[in-house]
N, C-alpha and C. Protein backbone atom coordinates (compact mmCIF):
# COMPACT_ATOMS: atom_id res chain seq x y z
N MET A 1 17.91 6.01 -12.86
CA MET A 1 17.20 4.78 -12.51
C MET A 1 18.16 3.87 -11.72
N ALA A 2 17.61 3.32 -10.66
CA ALA A 2 18.37 2.38 -9.85
C ALA A 2 17.87 0.97 -10.15
N THR A 3 18.77 0.03 -10.17
CA THR A 3 18.40 -1.37 -10.33
C THR A 3 18.32 -1.99 -8.94
N ILE A 4 17.18 -2.61 -8.65
CA ILE A 4 16.96 -3.24 -7.35
C ILE A 4 16.55 -4.68 -7.61
N GLN A 5 17.20 -5.60 -6.90
CA GLN A 5 16.81 -7.01 -7.00
C GLN A 5 16.25 -7.46 -5.66
N LYS A 6 15.09 -8.10 -5.73
CA LYS A 6 14.44 -8.70 -4.57
C LYS A 6 14.02 -10.10 -4.99
N ASP A 7 14.58 -11.11 -4.35
CA ASP A 7 14.34 -12.50 -4.74
C ASP A 7 14.60 -12.65 -6.23
N GLU A 8 13.65 -13.19 -6.98
CA GLU A 8 13.83 -13.39 -8.43
C GLU A 8 13.50 -12.15 -9.25
N TYR A 9 13.01 -11.11 -8.62
CA TYR A 9 12.57 -9.89 -9.31
C TYR A 9 13.73 -8.92 -9.50
N ILE A 10 13.70 -8.26 -10.65
CA ILE A 10 14.64 -7.16 -10.90
C ILE A 10 13.80 -5.95 -11.31
N PHE A 11 14.05 -4.82 -10.65
CA PHE A 11 13.29 -3.59 -10.87
C PHE A 11 14.22 -2.48 -11.35
N GLU A 12 13.72 -1.65 -12.22
CA GLU A 12 14.38 -0.40 -12.62
C GLU A 12 13.53 0.70 -12.00
N VAL A 13 14.04 1.37 -10.98
CA VAL A 13 13.24 2.29 -10.17
C VAL A 13 13.80 3.70 -10.22
N ASP A 14 12.92 4.66 -10.43
CA ASP A 14 13.27 6.06 -10.29
C ASP A 14 12.93 6.44 -8.85
N ILE A 15 13.91 6.29 -7.97
CA ILE A 15 13.68 6.48 -6.53
C ILE A 15 13.29 7.92 -6.23
N GLU A 16 13.96 8.87 -6.84
CA GLU A 16 13.64 10.29 -6.57
C GLU A 16 12.21 10.62 -7.00
N LYS A 17 11.79 10.13 -8.15
CA LYS A 17 10.42 10.37 -8.62
C LYS A 17 9.41 9.69 -7.69
N THR A 18 9.75 8.50 -7.18
CA THR A 18 8.87 7.79 -6.25
C THR A 18 8.75 8.57 -4.95
N ILE A 19 9.87 9.07 -4.43
CA ILE A 19 9.84 9.88 -3.21
C ILE A 19 8.97 11.12 -3.43
N GLU A 20 9.13 11.77 -4.57
CA GLU A 20 8.31 12.95 -4.88
C GLU A 20 6.83 12.59 -4.96
N TYR A 21 6.52 11.44 -5.55
CA TYR A 21 5.14 10.96 -5.61
C TYR A 21 4.55 10.88 -4.20
N TYR A 22 5.29 10.30 -3.28
CA TYR A 22 4.79 10.14 -1.91
C TYR A 22 4.74 11.45 -1.14
N ASN A 23 5.49 12.44 -1.58
CA ASN A 23 5.41 13.76 -0.95
C ASN A 23 4.21 14.57 -1.44
N THR A 24 3.65 14.18 -2.60
CA THR A 24 2.61 15.02 -3.20
C THR A 24 1.26 14.33 -3.43
N HIS A 25 1.19 13.01 -3.43
CA HIS A 25 -0.10 12.37 -3.75
C HIS A 25 -1.07 12.54 -2.58
N SER A 26 -2.35 12.55 -2.92
CA SER A 26 -3.38 12.76 -1.90
C SER A 26 -3.68 11.44 -1.19
N LEU A 27 -4.02 11.56 0.08
CA LEU A 27 -4.34 10.39 0.89
C LEU A 27 -5.84 10.25 1.05
N CYS A 28 -6.28 9.03 1.19
CA CYS A 28 -7.68 8.74 1.49
C CYS A 28 -8.00 9.32 2.86
N GLU A 29 -9.20 9.83 3.02
CA GLU A 29 -9.59 10.44 4.29
C GLU A 29 -10.58 9.59 5.07
N CYS A 30 -10.75 8.33 4.70
CA CYS A 30 -11.66 7.49 5.47
C CYS A 30 -11.01 7.14 6.81
N ASP A 31 -11.82 6.81 7.80
CA ASP A 31 -11.32 6.56 9.15
C ASP A 31 -10.30 5.41 9.21
N CYS A 32 -10.55 4.33 8.49
CA CYS A 32 -9.65 3.18 8.56
C CYS A 32 -8.27 3.51 7.97
N CYS A 33 -8.25 4.26 6.89
CA CYS A 33 -6.97 4.67 6.31
C CYS A 33 -6.24 5.63 7.25
N GLU A 34 -6.96 6.59 7.81
CA GLU A 34 -6.33 7.53 8.73
C GLU A 34 -5.77 6.80 9.95
N ASN A 35 -6.45 5.77 10.42
CA ASN A 35 -5.95 4.96 11.53
C ASN A 35 -4.64 4.28 11.14
N PHE A 36 -4.56 3.78 9.90
CA PHE A 36 -3.35 3.15 9.38
C PHE A 36 -2.20 4.16 9.34
N TYR A 37 -2.45 5.34 8.74
CA TYR A 37 -1.41 6.37 8.62
C TYR A 37 -0.84 6.74 9.98
N ALA A 38 -1.71 6.80 10.98
CA ALA A 38 -1.33 7.30 12.30
C ALA A 38 -0.35 6.39 13.04
N GLN A 39 -0.26 5.11 12.66
CA GLN A 39 0.54 4.22 13.50
C GLN A 39 1.41 3.20 12.79
N ILE A 40 1.43 3.18 11.47
CA ILE A 40 2.17 2.12 10.78
C ILE A 40 3.68 2.31 10.83
N LYS A 41 4.16 3.56 10.87
CA LYS A 41 5.62 3.78 10.91
C LYS A 41 6.20 3.11 12.15
N GLY A 42 7.23 2.29 11.94
CA GLY A 42 7.90 1.61 13.03
C GLY A 42 7.24 0.32 13.49
N GLU A 43 6.05 0.03 13.01
CA GLU A 43 5.32 -1.18 13.43
C GLU A 43 5.95 -2.46 12.85
N PHE A 44 6.40 -2.39 11.59
CA PHE A 44 7.00 -3.54 10.92
C PHE A 44 8.30 -3.07 10.24
N PRO A 45 9.41 -3.04 10.97
CA PRO A 45 10.66 -2.45 10.45
C PRO A 45 11.21 -3.12 9.19
N LYS A 46 11.11 -4.43 9.07
CA LYS A 46 11.62 -5.11 7.86
C LYS A 46 10.78 -4.73 6.65
N LEU A 47 9.48 -4.68 6.81
CA LEU A 47 8.60 -4.27 5.72
C LEU A 47 8.85 -2.82 5.35
N GLU A 48 8.99 -1.98 6.35
CA GLU A 48 9.25 -0.55 6.11
C GLU A 48 10.58 -0.36 5.36
N SER A 49 11.60 -1.12 5.73
CA SER A 49 12.89 -1.05 5.05
C SER A 49 12.79 -1.54 3.60
N PHE A 50 12.05 -2.63 3.39
CA PHE A 50 11.82 -3.15 2.04
C PHE A 50 11.22 -2.06 1.16
N LEU A 51 10.17 -1.41 1.64
CA LEU A 51 9.49 -0.36 0.86
C LEU A 51 10.40 0.86 0.66
N ALA A 52 11.15 1.23 1.69
CA ALA A 52 12.04 2.40 1.61
C ALA A 52 13.11 2.20 0.54
N ASP A 53 13.53 0.97 0.28
CA ASP A 53 14.50 0.70 -0.79
C ASP A 53 14.01 1.23 -2.13
N PHE A 54 12.70 1.29 -2.31
CA PHE A 54 12.08 1.75 -3.56
C PHE A 54 11.73 3.25 -3.51
N GLY A 55 11.89 3.87 -2.34
CA GLY A 55 11.49 5.26 -2.17
C GLY A 55 10.06 5.41 -1.67
N VAL A 56 9.46 4.32 -1.22
CA VAL A 56 8.06 4.29 -0.78
C VAL A 56 7.96 4.66 0.69
N ASP A 57 6.99 5.50 1.02
CA ASP A 57 6.69 5.86 2.41
C ASP A 57 5.60 4.91 2.90
N ILE A 58 5.92 4.07 3.87
CA ILE A 58 4.97 3.06 4.36
C ILE A 58 3.68 3.69 4.87
N ALA A 59 3.74 4.93 5.34
CA ALA A 59 2.56 5.58 5.93
C ALA A 59 1.68 6.30 4.91
N LYS A 60 1.97 6.14 3.62
CA LYS A 60 1.19 6.84 2.60
C LYS A 60 0.79 5.90 1.45
N PRO A 61 0.09 4.82 1.74
CA PRO A 61 -0.29 3.90 0.67
C PRO A 61 -1.32 4.51 -0.28
N ASP A 62 -1.41 3.93 -1.47
CA ASP A 62 -2.45 4.34 -2.41
C ASP A 62 -3.79 3.78 -1.98
N GLU A 63 -3.78 2.63 -1.35
CA GLU A 63 -5.04 1.97 -0.98
C GLU A 63 -4.83 1.01 0.18
N CYS A 64 -5.80 0.99 1.07
CA CYS A 64 -5.87 -0.01 2.16
C CYS A 64 -7.24 -0.68 2.06
N MET A 65 -7.25 -1.98 2.09
CA MET A 65 -8.52 -2.69 2.19
C MET A 65 -8.59 -3.23 3.60
N SER A 66 -9.72 -2.98 4.27
CA SER A 66 -9.79 -3.30 5.69
C SER A 66 -11.19 -3.73 6.11
N VAL A 67 -11.23 -4.29 7.32
CA VAL A 67 -12.48 -4.72 7.94
C VAL A 67 -12.43 -4.25 9.40
N GLU A 68 -13.55 -3.70 9.87
CA GLU A 68 -13.63 -3.25 11.26
C GLU A 68 -14.13 -4.41 12.12
N LEU A 69 -13.41 -4.70 13.18
CA LEU A 69 -13.77 -5.78 14.11
C LEU A 69 -13.59 -5.30 15.54
N ASP A 70 -14.64 -5.32 16.31
CA ASP A 70 -14.58 -4.91 17.72
C ASP A 70 -13.84 -3.58 17.87
N ASP A 71 -12.65 -3.58 18.48
CA ASP A 71 -11.92 -2.34 18.69
C ASP A 71 -10.64 -2.27 17.86
N LYS A 72 -10.55 -3.13 16.84
CA LYS A 72 -9.38 -3.16 15.97
C LYS A 72 -9.80 -3.13 14.52
N ILE A 73 -8.86 -2.78 13.68
CA ILE A 73 -9.07 -2.80 12.23
C ILE A 73 -8.17 -3.90 11.67
N GLN A 74 -8.75 -4.77 10.87
CA GLN A 74 -7.96 -5.77 10.16
C GLN A 74 -7.65 -5.21 8.78
N TYR A 75 -6.37 -5.12 8.47
CA TYR A 75 -5.93 -4.67 7.15
C TYR A 75 -5.60 -5.91 6.33
N ILE A 76 -6.26 -6.03 5.20
CA ILE A 76 -6.18 -7.23 4.36
C ILE A 76 -5.13 -7.06 3.27
N SER A 77 -5.12 -5.90 2.66
CA SER A 77 -4.18 -5.61 1.58
C SER A 77 -3.89 -4.12 1.58
N VAL A 78 -2.63 -3.79 1.33
CA VAL A 78 -2.21 -2.39 1.27
C VAL A 78 -1.36 -2.24 0.01
N ASP A 79 -1.70 -1.26 -0.84
CA ASP A 79 -1.04 -1.07 -2.13
C ASP A 79 -0.19 0.19 -2.16
N TYR A 80 0.98 0.07 -2.80
CA TYR A 80 1.91 1.19 -2.96
C TYR A 80 2.34 1.27 -4.42
N THR A 81 2.55 2.49 -4.92
CA THR A 81 2.99 2.71 -6.28
C THR A 81 4.48 3.02 -6.29
N VAL A 82 5.20 2.46 -7.26
CA VAL A 82 6.63 2.74 -7.45
C VAL A 82 6.82 3.22 -8.88
N CYS A 83 7.55 4.31 -9.05
CA CYS A 83 7.85 4.85 -10.38
C CYS A 83 9.00 4.05 -10.98
N GLY A 84 8.74 3.43 -12.11
CA GLY A 84 9.74 2.60 -12.77
C GLY A 84 9.08 1.41 -13.41
N LYS A 85 9.86 0.35 -13.58
CA LYS A 85 9.32 -0.83 -14.24
C LYS A 85 9.89 -2.10 -13.64
N VAL A 86 9.19 -3.18 -13.88
CA VAL A 86 9.67 -4.51 -13.50
C VAL A 86 10.48 -5.02 -14.68
N ALA A 87 11.79 -5.12 -14.51
CA ALA A 87 12.66 -5.59 -15.58
C ALA A 87 12.60 -7.11 -15.72
N LYS A 88 12.44 -7.78 -14.58
CA LYS A 88 12.28 -9.24 -14.61
C LYS A 88 11.29 -9.61 -13.52
N MET A 89 10.22 -10.27 -13.92
CA MET A 89 9.17 -10.69 -13.00
C MET A 89 9.53 -12.05 -12.42
N GLY A 90 9.38 -12.20 -11.12
CA GLY A 90 9.61 -13.49 -10.47
C GLY A 90 8.40 -14.40 -10.66
N GLN A 91 8.58 -15.66 -10.32
CA GLN A 91 7.49 -16.62 -10.45
C GLN A 91 6.54 -16.60 -9.27
N TYR A 92 7.03 -16.19 -8.12
CA TYR A 92 6.24 -16.24 -6.89
C TYR A 92 6.22 -14.88 -6.22
N GLU A 93 5.39 -14.76 -5.21
CA GLU A 93 5.37 -13.54 -4.42
C GLU A 93 6.67 -13.45 -3.61
N ILE A 94 6.93 -12.29 -3.08
CA ILE A 94 8.08 -12.08 -2.20
C ILE A 94 7.56 -12.18 -0.77
N ASP A 95 8.24 -12.95 0.05
CA ASP A 95 7.80 -13.13 1.43
C ASP A 95 8.73 -12.39 2.38
N ILE A 96 8.12 -11.74 3.36
CA ILE A 96 8.87 -11.06 4.42
C ILE A 96 8.29 -11.52 5.75
N HIS A 97 9.17 -11.86 6.67
CA HIS A 97 8.77 -12.23 8.03
C HIS A 97 9.19 -11.08 8.94
N ASP A 98 8.20 -10.40 9.50
CA ASP A 98 8.46 -9.21 10.32
C ASP A 98 7.44 -9.19 11.46
N ASN A 99 7.63 -10.05 12.44
CA ASN A 99 6.65 -10.31 13.50
C ASN A 99 5.44 -11.05 12.94
N LEU A 100 5.12 -10.82 11.69
CA LEU A 100 4.07 -11.52 10.96
C LEU A 100 4.64 -11.93 9.61
N PHE A 101 3.91 -12.78 8.91
CA PHE A 101 4.29 -13.18 7.56
C PHE A 101 3.56 -12.27 6.57
N PHE A 102 4.30 -11.62 5.69
CA PHE A 102 3.72 -10.78 4.65
C PHE A 102 4.04 -11.36 3.29
N SER A 103 3.04 -11.43 2.45
CA SER A 103 3.18 -11.85 1.07
C SER A 103 3.12 -10.59 0.21
N ILE A 104 4.18 -10.36 -0.56
CA ILE A 104 4.26 -9.15 -1.39
C ILE A 104 4.05 -9.55 -2.84
N VAL A 105 3.01 -8.98 -3.42
CA VAL A 105 2.66 -9.26 -4.81
C VAL A 105 3.00 -8.04 -5.65
N ILE A 106 3.69 -8.27 -6.75
CA ILE A 106 4.09 -7.20 -7.66
C ILE A 106 3.19 -7.24 -8.88
N THR A 107 2.62 -6.09 -9.22
CA THR A 107 1.80 -5.97 -10.42
C THR A 107 2.45 -4.92 -11.31
N ASP A 108 2.73 -5.28 -12.53
CA ASP A 108 3.36 -4.36 -13.48
C ASP A 108 2.29 -3.44 -14.04
N GLY A 109 2.20 -2.23 -13.48
CA GLY A 109 1.19 -1.27 -13.90
C GLY A 109 0.04 -1.22 -12.91
N PHE A 110 -1.15 -1.02 -13.42
CA PHE A 110 -2.33 -0.75 -12.59
C PHE A 110 -2.71 -1.91 -11.69
N ALA A 111 -2.92 -1.62 -10.42
CA ALA A 111 -3.49 -2.59 -9.49
C ALA A 111 -4.41 -1.88 -8.52
N SER A 112 -4.16 -0.61 -8.30
CA SER A 112 -4.91 0.16 -7.31
C SER A 112 -4.99 1.60 -7.81
N PRO A 113 -6.08 2.29 -7.53
CA PRO A 113 -6.17 3.69 -7.96
C PRO A 113 -4.99 4.49 -7.43
N ASN A 114 -4.36 5.25 -8.31
CA ASN A 114 -3.25 6.11 -7.90
C ASN A 114 -3.20 7.33 -8.79
N GLU A 115 -2.34 8.25 -8.45
CA GLU A 115 -2.22 9.51 -9.19
C GLU A 115 -0.95 9.54 -10.02
N GLN A 116 -0.39 8.40 -10.32
CA GLN A 116 0.87 8.31 -11.03
C GLN A 116 0.65 8.40 -12.54
N SER A 117 1.48 9.19 -13.18
CA SER A 117 1.51 9.19 -14.64
C SER A 117 2.86 8.64 -15.05
N GLY A 118 2.91 8.00 -16.17
CA GLY A 118 4.15 7.40 -16.61
C GLY A 118 4.24 5.95 -16.19
N GLU A 119 5.43 5.41 -16.32
CA GLU A 119 5.65 4.00 -16.05
C GLU A 119 5.72 3.75 -14.54
N TYR A 120 5.00 2.73 -14.08
CA TYR A 120 5.01 2.40 -12.66
C TYR A 120 4.59 0.95 -12.47
N PHE A 121 4.84 0.46 -11.27
CA PHE A 121 4.34 -0.85 -10.86
C PHE A 121 3.79 -0.72 -9.45
N THR A 122 3.05 -1.73 -9.03
CA THR A 122 2.40 -1.71 -7.73
C THR A 122 2.96 -2.80 -6.84
N ILE A 123 3.23 -2.42 -5.59
CA ILE A 123 3.61 -3.38 -4.56
C ILE A 123 2.40 -3.54 -3.65
N SER A 124 1.87 -4.74 -3.57
CA SER A 124 0.72 -5.03 -2.71
C SER A 124 1.18 -5.89 -1.54
N ILE A 125 0.94 -5.40 -0.34
CA ILE A 125 1.27 -6.14 0.87
C ILE A 125 0.01 -6.90 1.28
N ASN A 126 0.08 -8.20 1.22
CA ASN A 126 -1.09 -9.03 1.52
C ASN A 126 -0.86 -9.86 2.78
N ASN A 127 -1.78 -9.76 3.67
CA ASN A 127 -1.84 -10.54 4.90
C ASN A 127 -2.92 -9.87 5.73
N ILE A 128 -3.42 -10.60 6.67
CA ILE A 128 -4.37 -9.97 7.58
C ILE A 128 -3.60 -9.62 8.84
N PHE A 129 -3.49 -8.34 9.10
CA PHE A 129 -2.87 -7.90 10.34
C PHE A 129 -3.78 -6.85 10.96
N GLU A 130 -3.74 -6.78 12.27
CA GLU A 130 -4.63 -5.88 13.00
C GLU A 130 -3.85 -4.71 13.59
N LEU A 131 -4.49 -3.57 13.58
CA LEU A 131 -3.97 -2.40 14.29
C LEU A 131 -5.08 -1.90 15.19
N PRO A 132 -4.74 -1.49 16.40
CA PRO A 132 -5.78 -0.97 17.29
C PRO A 132 -6.31 0.37 16.79
N TRP A 133 -7.45 0.76 17.29
CA TRP A 133 -8.05 2.05 16.96
C TRP A 133 -7.36 3.11 17.81
N VAL A 134 -6.70 4.09 17.17
CA VAL A 134 -5.96 5.12 17.91
C VAL A 134 -6.48 6.53 17.64
N LEU A 135 -7.44 6.67 16.76
CA LEU A 135 -7.93 7.99 16.42
C LEU A 135 -8.85 8.54 17.51
N ASP A 136 -8.87 9.84 17.64
CA ASP A 136 -9.72 10.50 18.62
C ASP A 136 -11.08 10.80 17.99
N LYS A 137 -11.74 9.74 17.58
CA LYS A 137 -13.08 9.81 17.00
C LYS A 137 -13.72 8.45 17.19
N PRO A 138 -15.03 8.36 17.08
CA PRO A 138 -15.70 7.07 17.33
C PRO A 138 -15.22 5.98 16.37
N PHE A 139 -15.14 4.79 16.90
CA PHE A 139 -14.78 3.62 16.10
C PHE A 139 -15.89 3.37 15.08
N PRO A 140 -15.54 3.09 13.82
CA PRO A 140 -16.59 2.83 12.81
C PRO A 140 -17.39 1.57 13.13
N ALA A 141 -18.60 1.54 12.67
CA ALA A 141 -19.45 0.36 12.86
C ALA A 141 -18.81 -0.83 12.14
N PRO A 142 -18.78 -2.00 12.78
CA PRO A 142 -18.19 -3.18 12.13
C PRO A 142 -18.89 -3.52 10.82
N THR A 143 -18.10 -3.92 9.83
CA THR A 143 -18.62 -4.32 8.53
C THR A 143 -17.94 -5.61 8.11
N GLN A 144 -18.49 -6.24 7.08
CA GLN A 144 -17.88 -7.46 6.55
C GLN A 144 -16.65 -7.12 5.72
N PHE A 145 -16.78 -6.22 4.77
CA PHE A 145 -15.67 -5.78 3.92
C PHE A 145 -16.13 -4.58 3.13
N LYS A 146 -15.24 -3.62 2.96
CA LYS A 146 -15.56 -2.49 2.10
C LYS A 146 -14.29 -1.90 1.53
N PRO A 147 -14.32 -1.53 0.26
CA PRO A 147 -13.17 -0.84 -0.30
C PRO A 147 -13.14 0.58 0.27
N THR A 148 -11.97 1.14 0.32
CA THR A 148 -11.84 2.47 0.89
C THR A 148 -12.34 3.53 -0.09
N CYS A 149 -12.34 4.74 0.37
CA CYS A 149 -12.90 5.87 -0.38
C CYS A 149 -12.24 6.07 -1.74
N LYS A 150 -10.93 5.86 -1.84
CA LYS A 150 -10.25 6.08 -3.11
C LYS A 150 -10.77 5.13 -4.18
N VAL A 151 -11.05 3.87 -3.82
CA VAL A 151 -11.57 2.91 -4.79
C VAL A 151 -12.95 3.35 -5.26
N LYS A 152 -13.79 3.76 -4.33
CA LYS A 152 -15.13 4.22 -4.70
C LYS A 152 -15.05 5.42 -5.64
N GLY A 153 -14.20 6.38 -5.29
CA GLY A 153 -14.04 7.58 -6.13
C GLY A 153 -13.49 7.24 -7.49
N PHE A 154 -12.56 6.29 -7.55
CA PHE A 154 -11.98 5.87 -8.81
C PHE A 154 -13.05 5.31 -9.74
N PHE A 155 -13.89 4.41 -9.22
CA PHE A 155 -14.93 3.82 -10.07
C PHE A 155 -15.99 4.85 -10.45
N LYS A 156 -16.26 5.80 -9.59
CA LYS A 156 -17.20 6.86 -9.95
C LYS A 156 -16.64 7.67 -11.12
N ARG A 157 -15.33 7.96 -11.09
CA ARG A 157 -14.72 8.72 -12.19
C ARG A 157 -14.77 7.92 -13.49
N ILE A 158 -14.48 6.61 -13.41
CA ILE A 158 -14.47 5.78 -14.63
C ILE A 158 -15.86 5.70 -15.24
N PHE A 159 -16.85 5.43 -14.39
CA PHE A 159 -18.20 5.23 -14.89
C PHE A 159 -19.05 6.48 -14.83
N LYS A 160 -18.43 7.58 -14.40
CA LYS A 160 -19.09 8.89 -14.32
C LYS A 160 -20.44 8.78 -13.62
N ALA A 161 -20.43 8.06 -12.49
CA ALA A 161 -21.65 7.86 -11.70
C ALA A 161 -21.91 9.03 -10.79
């Protein structure tokens, strides 16, 4: 376990287990998530470095919440799982300025559907940022808001719908 301090937070992280998680967990196959995976690497280097400190792959989130607008996708929140625990919780979110302002919220345990067993916490990247449509398929019809496929599948499993 590695001890990582970010602002007022102290984390005990199993970096190798987190890296393995990101090498093996399944990704959402909805168009908006696939658009995110295709272009997020290198887009926000400070954010990517922050996540990499924990062993997190920025291009493989557990969940993306998004809205389709014209020819771009607005990403509202993106969740990542880290294997380990929050040893000391800070009072406020962690802020990163990386071309945009990102508010990072830490949740000790469940915050987003994931395939993690054992002790973990969630890093949620909150802000509205846009990415252009880069997939070689039609742009989805604009919507107000919708959870991605993983959230829908998670609730179906819980309620056996």
